[in-house]
Amino acid sequence: MNGLRVIPTWRHGQERLYVCLTDGRNVAWYDREAARVNLLSEDRREEVLDALGPFLTGPVTVGPPPVPTPAELARLTLHPDDDLAPNRPGEALLIALDRDPGPAHRLRPDPRRRALAAEQAVGEALDQLEGAGWHTLHSLPLPGGDRIHHLVIGPGGLFCVRTLYARKQRVLVADPMVTVGRHEQRPLLRRVRADADRASYALTAEVHPVLAVAGPADLNVLAPPREVRILQDTDLDSLVRLGGVLKPADVEALHAMARDRHMWVF
């Protein structure tokens, strides 16, 4: 046994067999109608085919998820209410604060305003990557009232970015725990990975998790965390140096998919 599980699901009216790790993350899925096994990690090809063996009903194509064709993209013309591209960094927090500003006088700053400041700082840095062939979408709504802070799509791949406010505070990362200043430590890296996994599920493409720390006095990562990139808001331009994964047409196709609000209803 290789530890992979096969889970049948229905998505957008089609049955798919997802191949998952023991922690629930998807590594592949089998589309019976298309006779295709879509791999999110080429390294697990043999393990995936072994797990799917009892379910395969004939010859199949095996490879990375296909990118939409120009004809398919033409059908993705969005109504303005469904287009997430205009979302500002921290859009959901801006709306929440507008509806409920909170008391005029507080003993402590409203944590929503700190979170907003972090998302705006990170969002501004990510928006600067546009000229290098990258696209960033902000505040993408998820079922259950959750959201993805930022989704970055470019030649280096897809990245799901969660922000962390840490202005002038020391940050200690010991996977999966993150400690900011004197606050209680939290298993934040689990949340970062979960965000990326949900984005991967929605877009049927590999999405890499990133924790963006805004304004820390010091950032101490005890050991490289599993799969998660940890960057300060001033270092996000390092993503530009990652290339060779997606062609320009692939970037545009995935951006067109991701900006559609209906892609995130699952």
C-alpha atoms as a PDB file:
ATOM      1  CA  MET A   1       0.000   0.000   0.000  1.00  0.00           C
ATOM      2  CA  ASN A   2       1.285   3.457  -0.908  1.00  0.00           C
ATOM      3  CA  GLY A   3      -0.926   5.425   1.499  1.00  0.00           C
ATOM      4  CA  LEU A   4      -3.077   7.030  -1.221  1.00  0.00           C
ATOM      5  CA  ARG A   5      -6.870   6.998  -1.027  1.00  0.00           C
ATOM      6  CA  VAL A   6      -9.369   7.156  -3.895  1.00  0.00           C
ATOM      7  CA  ILE A   7     -12.452   9.279  -3.169  1.00  0.00           C
ATOM      8  CA  PRO A   8     -15.357   9.573  -5.674  1.00  0.00           C
ATOM      9  CA  THR A   9     -16.968  13.026  -5.894  1.00  0.00           C
ATOM     10  CA  TRP A  10     -19.348  14.979  -8.082  1.00  0.00           C
ATOM     11  CA  ARG A  11     -18.123  18.376  -9.293  1.00  0.00           C
ATOM     12  CA  HIS A  12     -19.838  20.650 -11.828  1.00  0.00           C
ATOM     13  CA  GLY A  13     -22.174  17.741 -12.661  1.00  0.00           C
ATOM     14  CA  GLN A  14     -19.375  15.284 -13.443  1.00  0.00           C
ATOM     15  CA  GLU A  15     -18.103  12.321 -11.462  1.00  0.00           C
ATOM     16  CA  ARG A  16     -14.412  12.345 -10.654  1.00  0.00           C
ATOM     17  CA  LEU A  17     -12.249   9.995  -8.640  1.00  0.00           C
ATOM     18  CA  TYR A  18      -9.800  12.017  -6.566  1.00  0.00           C
ATOM     19  CA  VAL A  19      -6.558  10.476  -5.337  1.00  0.00           C
ATOM     20  CA  CYS A  20      -5.628  11.915  -1.952  1.00  0.00           C
ATOM     21  CA  LEU A  21      -2.803  11.713   0.541  1.00  0.00           C
ATOM     22  CA  THR A  22      -3.548  10.595   4.096  1.00  0.00           C
ATOM     23  CA  ASP A  23      -3.872  14.279   5.157  1.00  0.00           C
ATOM     24  CA  GLY A  24      -6.604  14.839   2.542  1.00  0.00           C
ATOM     25  CA  ARG A  25      -4.593  16.776  -0.045  1.00  0.00           C
ATOM     26  CA  ASN A  26      -5.295  15.902  -3.688  1.00  0.00           C
ATOM     27  CA  VAL A  27      -2.482  14.639  -5.905  1.00  0.00           C
ATOM     28  CA  ALA A  28      -4.522  13.534  -8.929  1.00  0.00           C
ATOM     29  CA  TRP A  29      -7.999  12.802 -10.246  1.00  0.00           C
ATOM     30  CA  TYR A  30      -9.484  10.427 -12.797  1.00  0.00           C
ATOM     31  CA  ASP A  31     -12.086  11.730 -15.242  1.00  0.00           C
ATOM     32  CA  ARG A  32     -13.870   8.647 -16.587  1.00  0.00           C
ATOM     33  CA  GLU A  33     -15.729  10.554 -19.306  1.00  0.00           C
ATOM     34  CA  ALA A  34     -12.490  11.976 -20.721  1.00  0.00           C
ATOM     35  CA  ALA A  35     -10.515   8.770 -19.983  1.00  0.00           C
ATOM     36  CA  ARG A  36      -7.821  10.921 -18.419  1.00  0.00           C
ATOM     37  CA  VAL A  37      -5.789  10.821 -15.205  1.00  0.00           C
ATOM     38  CA  ASN A  38      -4.724  14.349 -14.258  1.00  0.00           C
ATOM     39  CA  LEU A  39      -1.562  14.533 -12.154  1.00  0.00           C
ATOM     40  CA  LEU A  40      -0.718  17.438  -9.878  1.00  0.00           C
ATOM     41  CA  SER A  41       2.680  15.892  -9.158  1.00  0.00           C
ATOM     42  CA  GLU A  42       4.551  13.915 -11.809  1.00  0.00           C
ATOM     43  CA  ASP A  43       6.667  12.359  -9.050  1.00  0.00           C
ATOM     44  CA  ARG A  44       3.677  10.301  -7.892  1.00  0.00           C
ATOM     45  CA  ARG A  45       2.678   8.931 -11.322  1.00  0.00           C
ATOM     46  CA  GLU A  46       3.273   5.254 -10.497  1.00  0.00           C
ATOM     47  CA  GLU A  47       1.680   5.498  -7.043  1.00  0.00           C
ATOM     48  CA  VAL A  48      -1.405   7.196  -8.481  1.00  0.00           C
ATOM     49  CA  LEU A  49      -1.855   4.641 -11.258  1.00  0.00           C
ATOM     50  CA  ASP A  50      -1.428   1.835  -8.746  1.00  0.00           C
ATOM     51  CA  ALA A  51      -4.142   3.324  -6.479  1.00  0.00           C
ATOM     52  CA  LEU A  52      -6.502   3.865  -9.429  1.00  0.00           C
ATOM     53  CA  GLY A  53      -5.863   0.425 -10.908  1.00  0.00           C
ATOM     54  CA  PRO A  54      -9.156  -1.154  -9.728  1.00  0.00           C
ATOM     55  CA  PHE A  55     -11.147   1.814 -11.091  1.00  0.00           C
ATOM     56  CA  LEU A  56      -9.638   2.241 -14.570  1.00  0.00           C
ATOM     57  CA  THR A  57     -12.011   0.924 -17.242  1.00  0.00           C
ATOM     58  CA  GLY A  58      -9.687   1.027 -20.252  1.00  0.00           C
ATOM     59  CA  PRO A  59      -6.806   2.960 -21.813  1.00  0.00           C
ATOM     60  CA  VAL A  60      -6.299   6.403 -20.265  1.00  0.00           C
ATOM     61  CA  THR A  61      -4.233   9.487 -20.941  1.00  0.00           C
ATOM     62  CA  VAL A  62      -1.967  10.465 -18.048  1.00  0.00           C
ATOM     63  CA  GLY A  63      -0.524  13.949 -17.559  1.00  0.00           C
ATOM     64  CA  PRO A  64      -0.930  17.391 -16.017  1.00  0.00           C
ATOM     65  CA  PRO A  65      -4.376  19.022 -16.079  1.00  0.00           C
ATOM     66  CA  PRO A  66      -5.208  20.448 -19.521  1.00  0.00           C
ATOM     67  CA  VAL A  67      -5.402  24.214 -19.960  1.00  0.00           C
ATOM     68  CA  PRO A  68      -8.677  25.569 -21.439  1.00  0.00           C
ATOM     69  CA  THR A  69      -8.744  26.071 -25.189  1.00  0.00           C
ATOM     70  CA  PRO A  70      -9.386  29.530 -26.747  1.00  0.00           C
ATOM     71  CA  ALA A  71     -12.953  28.392 -27.543  1.00  0.00           C
ATOM     72  CA  GLU A  72     -13.543  27.442 -23.905  1.00  0.00           C
ATOM     73  CA  LEU A  73     -12.112  30.766 -22.747  1.00  0.00           C
ATOM     74  CA  ALA A  74     -14.448  32.621 -25.092  1.00  0.00           C
ATOM     75  CA  ARG A  75     -17.358  31.095 -23.185  1.00  0.00           C
ATOM     76  CA  LEU A  76     -16.000  32.506 -19.935  1.00  0.00           C
ATOM     77  CA  THR A  77     -17.084  36.093 -20.672  1.00  0.00           C
ATOM     78  CA  LEU A  78     -18.150  37.236 -17.254  1.00  0.00           C
ATOM     79  CA  HIS A  79     -20.972  39.361 -15.974  1.00  0.00           C
ATOM     80  CA  PRO A  80     -19.486  42.196 -13.881  1.00  0.00           C
ATOM     81  CA  ASP A  81     -21.047  40.719 -10.725  1.00  0.00           C
ATOM     82  CA  ASP A  82     -19.190  37.451 -11.315  1.00  0.00           C
ATOM     83  CA  ASP A  83     -15.774  38.935 -12.151  1.00  0.00           C
ATOM     84  CA  LEU A  84     -13.423  38.864  -9.150  1.00  0.00           C
ATOM     85  CA  ALA A  85     -10.584  40.699 -10.909  1.00  0.00           C
ATOM     86  CA  PRO A  86     -11.659  44.161  -9.628  1.00  0.00           C
ATOM     87  CA  ASN A  87     -11.449  43.015  -5.991  1.00  0.00           C
ATOM     88  CA  ARG A  88      -9.100  45.188  -3.950  1.00  0.00           C
ATOM     89  CA  PRO A  89      -6.647  43.719  -1.459  1.00  0.00           C
ATOM     90  CA  GLY A  90      -8.686  43.066   1.681  1.00  0.00           C
ATOM     91  CA  GLU A  91     -11.969  43.600  -0.177  1.00  0.00           C
ATOM     92  CA  ALA A  92     -13.969  41.500   2.305  1.00  0.00           C
ATOM     93  CA  LEU A  93     -12.505  43.381   5.270  1.00  0.00           C
ATOM     94  CA  LEU A  94     -13.198  46.752   3.630  1.00  0.00           C
ATOM     95  CA  ILE A  95     -16.851  45.772   3.183  1.00  0.00           C
ATOM     96  CA  ALA A  96     -17.110  44.446   6.743  1.00  0.00           C
ATOM     97  CA  LEU A  97     -15.616  47.611   8.221  1.00  0.00           C
ATOM     98  CA  ASP A  98     -17.885  49.781   6.113  1.00  0.00           C
ATOM     99  CA  ARG A  99     -20.939  47.900   7.371  1.00  0.00           C
ATOM    100  CA  ASP A 100     -19.785  47.734  10.981  1.00  0.00           C
ATOM    101  CA  PRO A 101     -16.992  50.190  11.836  1.00  0.00           C
ATOM    102  CA  GLY A 102     -17.088  49.176  15.492  1.00  0.00           C
ATOM    103  CA  PRO A 103     -16.926  51.498  18.511  1.00  0.00           C
ATOM    104  CA  ALA A 104     -15.337  54.893  17.938  1.00  0.00           C
ATOM    105  CA  HIS A 105     -13.124  54.479  21.021  1.00  0.00           C
ATOM    106  CA  ARG A 106     -11.464  51.172  21.807  1.00  0.00           C
ATOM    107  CA  LEU A 107      -8.829  50.216  24.320  1.00  0.00           C
ATOM    108  CA  ARG A 108      -7.136  48.101  21.650  1.00  0.00           C
ATOM    109  CA  PRO A 109      -6.994  48.565  17.872  1.00  0.00           C
ATOM    110  CA  ASP A 110      -9.606  46.681  15.875  1.00  0.00           C
ATOM    111  CA  PRO A 111      -7.855  43.478  14.699  1.00  0.00           C
ATOM    112  CA  ARG A 112      -9.715  43.743  11.395  1.00  0.00           C
ATOM    113  CA  ARG A 113      -7.879  46.989  10.613  1.00  0.00           C
ATOM    114  CA  ARG A 114      -4.524  45.352  11.309  1.00  0.00           C
ATOM    115  CA  ALA A 115      -5.421  42.429   9.068  1.00  0.00           C
ATOM    116  CA  LEU A 116      -6.532  44.890   6.386  1.00  0.00           C
ATOM    117  CA  ALA A 117      -3.242  46.790   6.599  1.00  0.00           C
ATOM    118  CA  ALA A 118      -1.360  43.523   6.096  1.00  0.00           C
ATOM    119  CA  GLU A 119      -3.456  42.468   3.104  1.00  0.00           C
ATOM    120  CA  GLN A 120      -3.090  45.899   1.519  1.00  0.00           C
ATOM    121  CA  ALA A 121       0.696  45.885   1.944  1.00  0.00           C
ATOM    122  CA  VAL A 122       1.039  42.382   0.514  1.00  0.00           C
ATOM    123  CA  GLY A 123      -1.489  43.071  -2.229  1.00  0.00           C
ATOM    124  CA  GLU A 124       0.342  46.209  -3.324  1.00  0.00           C
ATOM    125  CA  ALA A 125       3.611  44.262  -3.541  1.00  0.00           C
ATOM    126  CA  LEU A 126       1.980  41.483  -5.569  1.00  0.00           C
ATOM    127  CA  ASP A 127       0.308  43.935  -7.935  1.00  0.00           C
ATOM    128  CA  GLN A 128       3.785  45.221  -8.829  1.00  0.00           C
ATOM    129  CA  LEU A 129       4.462  41.853 -10.496  1.00  0.00           C
ATOM    130  CA  GLU A 130       1.899  42.531 -13.251  1.00  0.00           C
ATOM    131  CA  GLY A 131       4.484  43.921 -15.656  1.00  0.00           C
ATOM    132  CA  ALA A 132       6.506  40.705 -15.461  1.00  0.00           C
ATOM    133  CA  GLY A 133       3.707  38.544 -16.861  1.00  0.00           C
ATOM    134  CA  TRP A 134       1.964  37.753 -13.568  1.00  0.00           C
ATOM    135  CA  HIS A 135      -1.623  38.262 -12.437  1.00  0.00           C
ATOM    136  CA  THR A 136      -2.911  38.617  -8.873  1.00  0.00           C
ATOM    137  CA  LEU A 137      -6.483  38.184  -7.660  1.00  0.00           C
ATOM    138  CA  HIS A 138      -7.461  39.375  -4.188  1.00  0.00           C
ATOM    139  CA  SER A 139      -9.983  38.303  -1.551  1.00  0.00           C
ATOM    140  CA  LEU A 140     -11.486  35.310  -3.357  1.00  0.00           C
ATOM    141  CA  PRO A 141     -14.632  34.068  -1.560  1.00  0.00           C
ATOM    142  CA  LEU A 142     -14.878  30.413  -0.555  1.00  0.00           C
ATOM    143  CA  PRO A 143     -17.852  28.383   0.678  1.00  0.00           C
ATOM    144  CA  GLY A 144     -18.528  28.730   4.382  1.00  0.00           C
ATOM    145  CA  GLY A 145     -17.563  32.408   4.548  1.00  0.00           C
ATOM    146  CA  ASP A 146     -13.815  31.809   4.230  1.00  0.00           C
ATOM    147  CA  ARG A 147     -11.627  33.357   1.538  1.00  0.00           C
ATOM    148  CA  ILE A 148      -8.246  33.258  -0.133  1.00  0.00           C
ATOM    149  CA  HIS A 149      -6.295  36.438   0.576  1.00  0.00           C
ATOM    150  CA  HIS A 150      -4.366  36.483  -2.723  1.00  0.00           C
ATOM    151  CA  LEU A 151      -3.953  34.153  -5.696  1.00  0.00           C
ATOM    152  CA  VAL A 152      -0.892  34.772  -7.866  1.00  0.00           C
ATOM    153  CA  ILE A 153      -0.603  33.272 -11.362  1.00  0.00           C
ATOM    154  CA  GLY A 154       2.519  33.613 -13.487  1.00  0.00           C
ATOM    155  CA  PRO A 155       5.327  31.871 -15.362  1.00  0.00           C
ATOM    156  CA  GLY A 156       6.503  30.288 -12.100  1.00  0.00           C
ATOM    157  CA  GLY A 157       3.124  28.651 -11.388  1.00  0.00           C
ATOM    158  CA  LEU A 158       0.173  29.358  -9.097  1.00  0.00           C
ATOM    159  CA  PHE A 159       0.588  30.588  -5.529  1.00  0.00           C
ATOM    160  CA  CYS A 160      -2.007  30.935  -2.792  1.00  0.00           C
ATOM    161  CA  VAL A 161      -0.852  33.703  -0.436  1.00  0.00           C
ATOM    162  CA  ARG A 162      -2.139  34.217   3.114  1.00  0.00           C
ATOM    163  CA  THR A 163      -1.029  37.376   4.905  1.00  0.00           C
ATOM    164  CA  LEU A 164       0.031  37.791   8.521  1.00  0.00           C
ATOM    165  CA  TYR A 165       0.172  41.139  10.314  1.00  0.00           C
ATOM    166  CA  ALA A 166       3.379  41.412  12.325  1.00  0.00           C
ATOM    167  CA  ARG A 167       4.355  45.076  12.284  1.00  0.00           C
ATOM    168  CA  LYS A 168       7.501  45.609  14.381  1.00  0.00           C
ATOM    169  CA  GLN A 169       7.057  42.237  16.080  1.00  0.00           C
ATOM    170  CA  ARG A 170       9.228  39.138  16.192  1.00  0.00           C
ATOM    171  CA  VAL A 171       7.854  36.139  14.297  1.00  0.00           C
ATOM    172  CA  LEU A 172       8.884  32.566  15.063  1.00  0.00           C
ATOM    173  CA  VAL A 173       7.936  29.728  12.715  1.00  0.00           C
ATOM    174  CA  ALA A 174       8.169  26.102  13.861  1.00  0.00           C
ATOM    175  CA  ASP A 175       6.044  24.115  11.424  1.00  0.00           C
ATOM    176  CA  PRO A 176       3.054  24.140  11.754  1.00  0.00           C
ATOM    177  CA  MET A 177       3.096  26.723  14.567  1.00  0.00           C
ATOM    178  CA  VAL A 178       3.608  30.469  14.098  1.00  0.00           C
ATOM    179  CA  THR A 179       4.177  32.863  16.994  1.00  0.00           C
ATOM    180  CA  VAL A 180       3.877  36.637  16.606  1.00  0.00           C
ATOM    181  CA  GLY A 181       5.362  38.727  19.402  1.00  0.00           C
ATOM    182  CA  ARG A 182       3.892  37.716  22.750  1.00  0.00           C
ATOM    183  CA  HIS A 183       0.729  36.290  21.270  1.00  0.00           C
ATOM    184  CA  GLU A 184      -0.154  32.641  21.632  1.00  0.00           C
ATOM    185  CA  GLN A 185       1.274  30.401  18.916  1.00  0.00           C
ATOM    186  CA  ARG A 186      -1.132  29.156  16.231  1.00  0.00           C
ATOM    187  CA  PRO A 187      -0.944  26.285  13.696  1.00  0.00           C
ATOM    188  CA  LEU A 188      -1.134  28.818  10.879  1.00  0.00           C
ATOM    189  CA  LEU A 189       0.816  26.776   8.335  1.00  0.00           C
ATOM    190  CA  ARG A 190      -1.967  24.189   8.338  1.00  0.00           C
ATOM    191  CA  ARG A 191      -4.336  26.954   7.275  1.00  0.00           C
ATOM    192  CA  VAL A 192      -1.934  28.107   4.558  1.00  0.00           C
ATOM    193  CA  ARG A 193      -1.717  24.592   3.135  1.00  0.00           C
ATOM    194  CA  ALA A 194      -5.497  24.184   3.338  1.00  0.00           C
ATOM    195  CA  ASP A 195      -6.003  27.410   1.364  1.00  0.00           C
ATOM    196  CA  ALA A 196      -3.704  26.161  -1.394  1.00  0.00           C
ATOM    197  CA  ASP A 197      -5.409  22.783  -1.458  1.00  0.00           C
ATOM    198  CA  ARG A 198      -8.837  24.374  -1.857  1.00  0.00           C
ATOM    199  CA  ALA A 199      -7.527  26.555  -4.683  1.00  0.00           C
ATOM    200  CA  SER A 200      -6.000  23.486  -6.322  1.00  0.00           C
ATOM    201  CA  TYR A 201      -9.342  21.706  -6.087  1.00  0.00           C
ATOM    202  CA  ALA A 202     -11.232  24.645  -7.612  1.00  0.00           C
ATOM    203  CA  LEU A 203      -8.821  25.215 -10.500  1.00  0.00           C
ATOM    204  CA  THR A 204      -7.747  21.575 -10.983  1.00  0.00           C
ATOM    205  CA  ALA A 205      -4.120  22.708 -11.046  1.00  0.00           C
ATOM    206  CA  GLU A 206      -1.190  22.598  -8.651  1.00  0.00           C
ATOM    207  CA  VAL A 207      -1.199  25.604  -6.310  1.00  0.00           C
ATOM    208  CA  HIS A 208       1.707  26.352  -3.973  1.00  0.00           C
ATOM    209  CA  PRO A 209       1.107  27.760  -0.460  1.00  0.00           C
ATOM    210  CA  VAL A 210       2.801  30.990   0.651  1.00  0.00           C
ATOM    211  CA  LEU A 211       2.732  32.807   4.001  1.00  0.00           C
ATOM    212  CA  ALA A 212       3.458  36.524   3.546  1.00  0.00           C
ATOM    213  CA  VAL A 213       4.525  38.235   6.770  1.00  0.00           C
ATOM    214  CA  ALA A 214       3.860  41.980   6.746  1.00  0.00           C
ATOM    215  CA  GLY A 215       6.346  44.298   8.494  1.00  0.00           C
ATOM    216  CA  PRO A 216       8.048  42.007  11.046  1.00  0.00           C
ATOM    217  CA  ALA A 217      10.917  43.261  13.190  1.00  0.00           C
ATOM    218  CA  ASP A 218      12.477  39.800  12.871  1.00  0.00           C
ATOM    219  CA  LEU A 219      11.470  36.596  11.086  1.00  0.00           C
ATOM    220  CA  ASN A 220      12.961  33.372  12.414  1.00  0.00           C
ATOM    221  CA  VAL A 221      12.134  30.113  10.611  1.00  0.00           C
ATOM    222  CA  LEU A 222      13.534  27.236  12.654  1.00  0.00           C
ATOM    223  CA  ALA A 223      13.505  24.766   9.733  1.00  0.00           C
ATOM    224  CA  PRO A 224      12.225  24.943   6.144  1.00  0.00           C
ATOM    225  CA  PRO A 225       8.515  24.084   6.423  1.00  0.00           C
ATOM    226  CA  ARG A 226       6.995  21.379   4.263  1.00  0.00           C
ATOM    227  CA  GLU A 227       5.935  22.852   0.899  1.00  0.00           C
ATOM    228  CA  VAL A 228       5.185  26.351   2.270  1.00  0.00           C
ATOM    229  CA  ARG A 229       7.176  29.388   1.185  1.00  0.00           C
ATOM    230  CA  ILE A 230       7.523  32.021   3.918  1.00  0.00           C
ATOM    231  CA  LEU A 231       8.292  35.522   2.661  1.00  0.00           C
ATOM    232  CA  GLN A 232       8.242  39.039   4.030  1.00  0.00           C
ATOM    233  CA  ASP A 233       6.071  41.507   2.160  1.00  0.00           C
ATOM    234  CA  THR A 234       9.245  43.212   0.932  1.00  0.00           C
ATOM    235  CA  ASP A 235      10.537  39.976  -0.642  1.00  0.00           C
ATOM    236  CA  LEU A 236       7.509  38.925  -2.679  1.00  0.00           C
ATOM    237  CA  ASP A 237       9.172  40.029  -5.903  1.00  0.00           C
ATOM    238  CA  SER A 238      11.342  36.914  -5.552  1.00  0.00           C
ATOM    239  CA  LEU A 239       8.441  35.008  -7.114  1.00  0.00           C
ATOM    240  CA  VAL A 240       9.320  36.656 -10.421  1.00  0.00           C
ATOM    241  CA  ARG A 241      12.558  34.683 -10.511  1.00  0.00           C
ATOM    242  CA  LEU A 242      10.558  31.448 -10.628  1.00  0.00           C
ATOM    243  CA  GLY A 243       9.920  30.517 -14.239  1.00  0.00           C
ATOM    244  CA  GLY A 244       9.685  27.720 -16.729  1.00  0.00           C
ATOM    245  CA  VAL A 245       6.415  26.250 -15.416  1.00  0.00           C
ATOM    246  CA  LEU A 246       3.605  28.011 -17.297  1.00  0.00           C
ATOM    247  CA  LYS A 247       3.549  29.462 -20.791  1.00  0.00           C
ATOM    248  CA  PRO A 248       1.979  32.921 -21.288  1.00  0.00           C
ATOM    249  CA  ALA A 249      -1.136  31.349 -22.829  1.00  0.00           C
ATOM    250  CA  ASP A 250      -1.471  29.044 -19.807  1.00  0.00           C
ATOM    251  CA  VAL A 251      -1.166  31.998 -17.429  1.00  0.00           C
ATOM    252  CA  GLU A 252      -3.933  33.877 -19.242  1.00  0.00           C
ATOM    253  CA  ALA A 253      -6.179  30.810 -19.366  1.00  0.00           C
ATOM    254  CA  LEU A 254      -5.844  30.093 -15.645  1.00  0.00           C
ATOM    255  CA  HIS A 255      -6.360  33.763 -14.811  1.00  0.00           C
ATOM    256  CA  ALA A 256      -9.579  33.765 -16.850  1.00  0.00           C
ATOM    257  CA  MET A 257     -10.808  30.722 -14.911  1.00  0.00           C
ATOM    258  CA  ALA A 258      -9.810  31.982 -11.475  1.00  0.00           C
ATOM    259  CA  ARG A 259     -11.511  35.362 -11.818  1.00  0.00           C
ATOM    260  CA  ASP A 260     -14.912  33.670 -12.305  1.00  0.00           C
ATOM    261  CA  ARG A 261     -16.816  33.672  -9.008  1.00  0.00           C
ATOM    262  CA  HIS A 262     -18.530  30.408  -9.943  1.00  0.00           C
ATOM    263  CA  MET A 263     -15.198  28.559  -9.957  1.00  0.00           C
ATOM    264  CA  TRP A 264     -15.052  28.952  -6.166  1.00  0.00           C
ATOM    265  CA  VAL A 265     -18.475  27.439  -5.432  1.00  0.00           C
ATOM    266  CA  PHE A 266     -17.773  23.800  -4.563  1.00  0.00           C
END
